Every structure is written in structure tokens, then in C-alpha cells.
Protein backbone atom coordinates (compact mmCIF):
# COMPACT_ATOMS: atom_id res chain seq x y z
CA UNK A 1 16.77 23.70 -12.47
CA UNK A 2 17.68 25.12 -9.05
CA UNK A 3 14.06 25.71 -8.09
CA UNK A 4 13.26 22.11 -8.97
CA UNK A 5 16.23 20.80 -6.98
CA UNK A 6 15.17 22.76 -3.91
CA UNK A 7 11.63 21.37 -4.26
CA UNK A 8 12.98 17.81 -4.43
CA UNK A 9 15.41 18.25 -1.55
CA UNK A 10 13.04 19.95 0.85
CA UNK A 11 12.30 17.58 3.70
CA UNK A 12 8.72 17.89 4.85
CA UNK A 13 8.14 18.22 8.58
CA UNK A 14 5.66 15.52 9.55
CA UNK A 15 6.61 15.47 13.24
CA UNK A 16 7.90 11.91 13.33
CA UNK A 17 9.94 10.88 16.38
CA UNK A 18 13.67 10.16 16.09
CA UNK A 19 13.92 7.15 13.87
CA UNK A 20 16.20 4.14 13.54
CA UNK A 21 15.35 2.97 10.01
CA UNK A 22 15.05 5.60 7.25
CA UNK A 23 12.72 4.60 4.39
CA UNK A 24 12.91 6.39 1.07
CA UNK A 25 9.48 7.43 -0.20
CA UNK A 26 8.64 8.88 -3.60
CA UNK A 27 5.28 10.64 -3.93
CA UNK A 28 3.96 11.39 -7.42
CA UNK A 29 0.98 13.71 -7.04
CA UNK A 30 -1.51 15.37 -9.37
CA UNK A 31 -2.37 18.50 -7.41
CA UNK A 32 -2.02 20.10 -3.98
CA UNK A 33 -5.02 18.21 -2.58
CA UNK A 34 -3.56 14.87 -3.70
CA UNK A 35 -0.12 15.78 -2.35
CA UNK A 36 -1.57 16.72 1.04
CA UNK A 37 -3.57 13.48 1.16
CA UNK A 38 -0.43 11.46 0.41
CA UNK A 39 1.52 13.25 3.16
CA UNK A 40 -1.39 12.73 5.59
CA UNK A 41 -1.30 8.98 4.87
CA UNK A 42 2.47 8.98 5.34
CA UNK A 43 2.16 10.83 8.65
CA UNK A 44 -0.39 8.28 9.88
CA UNK A 45 1.97 5.46 8.92
CA UNK A 46 4.72 7.24 10.82
CA UNK A 47 2.54 7.36 13.95
CA UNK A 48 1.78 3.64 13.65
CA UNK A 49 5.44 2.67 13.27
CA UNK A 50 6.51 4.96 16.10
CA UNK A 51 10.24 5.24 16.59
CA UNK A 52 11.21 2.30 14.40
CA UNK A 53 10.86 4.05 11.02
CA UNK A 54 11.66 7.47 9.60
CA UNK A 55 10.18 8.36 6.22
CA UNK A 56 12.30 10.37 3.79
CA UNK A 57 9.81 11.71 1.22
CA UNK A 58 10.63 13.16 -2.19
CA UNK A 59 7.73 14.74 -4.07
CA UNK A 60 7.21 14.89 -7.83
CA UNK A 61 4.22 16.59 -9.42
CA UNK A 62 2.52 15.09 -12.47
CA UNK A 63 3.32 18.31 -14.37
CA UNK A 64 7.06 17.91 -13.78
CA UNK A 65 6.92 14.23 -14.81
CA UNK A 66 5.72 15.38 -18.25
CA UNK A 67 9.22 16.77 -18.88
CA UNK A 68 11.47 13.98 -20.23
CA UNK A 69 14.60 15.13 -18.37
CA UNK A 70 12.85 15.43 -15.01
CA UNK A 71 10.95 12.20 -15.66
CA UNK A 72 14.26 10.36 -15.97
CA UNK A 73 15.51 11.78 -12.66
CA UNK A 74 12.18 11.01 -10.98
CA UNK A 75 12.31 7.43 -12.30
CA UNK A 76 15.77 7.06 -10.72
CA UNK A 77 14.33 8.32 -7.41
CA UNK A 78 11.41 5.88 -7.66
CA UNK A 79 13.68 2.92 -8.47
CA UNK A 80 15.66 3.58 -5.28
CA UNK A 81 12.57 4.18 -3.13
CA UNK A 82 11.25 1.74 -0.54
CA UNK A 83 7.72 3.09 -0.94
CA UNK A 84 6.11 4.59 -4.04
CA UNK A 85 2.91 6.61 -3.63
CA UNK A 86 0.88 7.77 -6.64
CA UNK A 87 -1.87 10.22 -5.70
CA UNK A 88 -4.55 12.01 -7.69
CA UNK A 89 -7.80 13.59 -6.62
CA UNK A 90 -8.93 13.97 -10.25
CA UNK A 91 -11.37 11.46 -11.78
CA UNK A 92 -9.47 11.72 -15.08
CA UNK A 93 -7.16 8.95 -16.35
CA UNK A 94 -3.54 9.07 -15.24
CA UNK A 95 -1.57 11.19 -17.77
CA UNK A 96 0.42 9.09 -20.28
CA UNK A 97 3.72 10.62 -19.08
CA UNK A 98 3.00 9.51 -15.51
CA UNK A 99 2.01 6.03 -16.73
CA UNK A 100 5.32 5.75 -18.62
CA UNK A 101 7.23 6.93 -15.55
CA UNK A 102 5.45 4.36 -13.35
CA UNK A 103 6.06 1.55 -15.87
CA UNK A 104 9.79 2.36 -16.07
CA UNK A 105 10.14 2.59 -12.29
CA UNK A 106 8.10 -0.52 -11.49
CA UNK A 107 9.85 -2.56 -14.17
CA UNK A 108 13.23 -1.67 -12.63
CA UNK A 109 12.00 -2.49 -9.11
CA UNK A 110 11.23 -6.13 -9.94
CA UNK A 111 12.34 -8.45 -7.16
CA UNK A 112 12.79 -5.74 -4.52
CA UNK A 113 10.88 -5.51 -1.23
CA UNK A 114 9.31 -2.17 -2.19
CA UNK A 115 5.61 -1.37 -1.97
CA UNK A 116 3.26 0.72 -4.11
CA UNK A 117 0.35 2.77 -2.74
CA UNK A 118 -2.32 4.18 -5.08
CA UNK A 119 -4.39 7.04 -3.67
CA UNK A 120 -6.84 7.59 -6.51
CA UNK A 121 -9.84 9.81 -5.80
CA UNK A 122 -10.56 11.59 -2.54
CA UNK A 123 -10.14 10.25 0.97
CA UNK A 124 -13.95 10.03 1.23
CA UNK A 125 -14.46 8.50 -2.20
CA UNK A 126 -11.44 6.48 -3.41
CA UNK A 127 -11.44 4.48 -6.64
CA UNK A 128 -12.96 1.04 -6.20
CA UNK A 129 -13.60 -2.13 -8.17
CA UNK A 130 -13.79 -1.46 -11.90
CA UNK A 131 -11.33 1.45 -11.86
CA UNK A 132 -9.18 0.98 -14.97
CA UNK A 133 -6.44 3.28 -13.75
CA UNK A 134 -6.26 1.50 -10.40
CA UNK A 135 -6.21 -1.91 -12.10
CA UNK A 136 -3.36 -0.77 -14.39
CA UNK A 137 -1.10 0.24 -11.47
CA UNK A 138 -2.09 -2.82 -9.43
CA UNK A 139 -1.25 -5.12 -12.36
CA UNK A 140 2.10 -3.41 -13.01
CA UNK A 141 3.03 -3.64 -9.32
CA UNK A 142 2.08 -7.30 -9.05
CA UNK A 143 3.90 -8.20 -12.27
CA UNK A 144 7.00 -6.67 -10.69
CA UNK A 145 6.39 -8.74 -7.56
CA UNK A 146 5.74 -5.67 -5.40
CA UNK A 147 3.23 -5.24 -2.60
CA UNK A 148 0.26 -3.09 -3.63
CA UNK A 149 -2.09 -1.11 -1.42
CA UNK A 150 -5.08 1.14 -2.10
CA UNK A 151 -7.88 2.37 0.16
CA UNK A 152 -11.20 0.63 -0.28
CA UNK A 153 -14.37 2.68 -0.86
CA UNK A 154 -16.64 2.68 2.18
CA UNK A 155 -19.45 0.87 0.33
CA UNK A 156 -17.09 -1.91 -0.78
CA UNK A 157 -15.63 -2.15 2.72
CA UNK A 158 -19.10 -2.57 4.23
CA UNK A 159 -19.96 -5.13 1.53
CA UNK A 160 -16.77 -7.10 2.24
CA UNK A 161 -17.49 -7.13 5.99
CA UNK A 162 -21.06 -8.29 5.30
CA UNK A 163 -19.75 -11.14 3.12
CA UNK A 164 -17.34 -12.19 5.88
CA UNK A 165 -20.20 -12.20 8.42
CA UNK A 166 -22.44 -14.22 6.07
CA UNK A 167 -19.66 -16.75 5.51
CA UNK A 168 -19.08 -17.02 9.26
CA UNK A 169 -22.80 -17.60 9.83
CA UNK A 170 -22.76 -20.41 7.26
CA UNK A 171 -19.63 -22.01 8.66
CA UNK A 172 -20.53 -21.83 12.37
CA UNK A 173 -23.28 -24.52 12.28
CA UNK A 174 -21.00 -26.80 10.23
CA UNK A 175 -18.15 -26.40 12.71
CA UNK A 176 -20.48 -27.00 15.64
CA UNK A 177 -21.78 -30.17 13.97
CA UNK A 178 -18.24 -31.44 13.36
CA UNK A 179 -17.12 -30.65 16.89
CA UNK A 180 -20.27 -32.27 18.33
CA UNK A 181 -19.36 -35.63 16.73
CA UNK A 182 -15.72 -35.64 17.87
CA UNK A 183 -15.49 -37.82 21.01
CA UNK A 184 -14.13 -36.02 24.04
CA UNK A 185 -10.74 -37.24 25.25
CA UNK A 186 -10.22 -37.13 28.99
CA UNK A 187 -7.05 -35.69 30.44
CA UNK A 188 -5.99 -39.10 31.78
CA UNK A 189 -6.49 -40.75 28.38
CA UNK A 190 -4.57 -37.94 26.69
CA UNK A 191 -1.59 -38.22 29.10
CA UNK A 192 -1.58 -41.99 28.75
CA UNK A 193 -1.49 -41.71 24.96
CA UNK A 194 1.29 -39.18 25.20
CA UNK A 195 3.28 -41.39 27.56
CA UNK A 196 2.94 -44.42 25.26
CA UNK A 197 4.07 -42.51 22.18
CA UNK A 198 7.56 -43.72 21.16
CA UNK A 199 10.24 -41.08 21.54
């Protein structure tokens, strides 16, 4: 019990500047690689927010969440957290105990301003469209009314950017055509119209 408490209470040094707004973060991680990835993402967020936010992370391993007593304590931590990160570098499905823990926590967080981040897969190859485990967490988060974030695989990101460019190329001629047929209003006409508008 004591060893677990010390693991939970250890604050990780991520070299954030003095902060004004502490945010409670719970990180559920599968292995060391996943835990390090989650802390790297948190550190990057800390750099972006600068001095306005201080993250207070509490880490729970998937193995510990398999124990019913610890799972209950971890669920209490997650319910109180402002940010919930679930990280795994394994391609395997999320363990049932972790799914139960997430369902309990997310169900209790309904209506809060919390956010959920899923880091499934590696930094170079995250889960993408069609990932059942990603869809399950996304659905649970959205049903609870929580913000959900997950990195997009590089191929999907490139595809999304390409679709945006294609849409822009289709819309540009239409917009030019519409703008071409709108009669120009001179400055004098515009000021006259403004002056005659009843106040």
C-alpha cells in the first residue's frame, strides 16, 4: 500500500514555469513507453500554455487498475481530474479492467469541463479511423459531454489536408463568380446610404 501511495503522490518534474492555474491530470498508461509518451505530450502542452497553467499529474498503470481496490481509488482520482489521458503503445485491445475504470470515471464526469486524450499506438503510428478501441473511448467521452482528443496518423492528416485543398479549389471559382457579379459600391454611395439610415 505504501509503495503504491508514494508512486501516486510523486510529482513528476516536467520543468514547467511557476503556474497560476493548477490542473489535475490523471494518466492511465499501459507500459513505460506509453507513460513516457503521455508525459512528453503533457510537457509540450505545458510549454504552449506557458505560465498560465501548471499540470498536476497522477499516474496509474493498467496493471494496478486490474486490482478492484486500486481501481476504485483511481476512478476517484479520474473523476476529480481536469484532464484524463489514456495511453498504450500496445496494438492489443484495452484490458477489460481499464475499460470498466474509464466507463465509471467518464460516467461520473458528465457535464464537467474535463477533457479526454487517447494516446493509442506509438507517436509515429497512432490509431486512426477504424480503431475500435479509439472509437469506444471517443464515444464514451462524447456521451458524457466531454472534449475528446487523439493524434491523427500522418497518412490521415495528409489526406485531410488534401481534401481541404481540393474543396478550396472547387469553391474558389464559385466565390470569384459570385463576387464578380456583385456591383461595386463607391465610398460616397456607401456613406450616403449610411447617413440616410434611420437611427
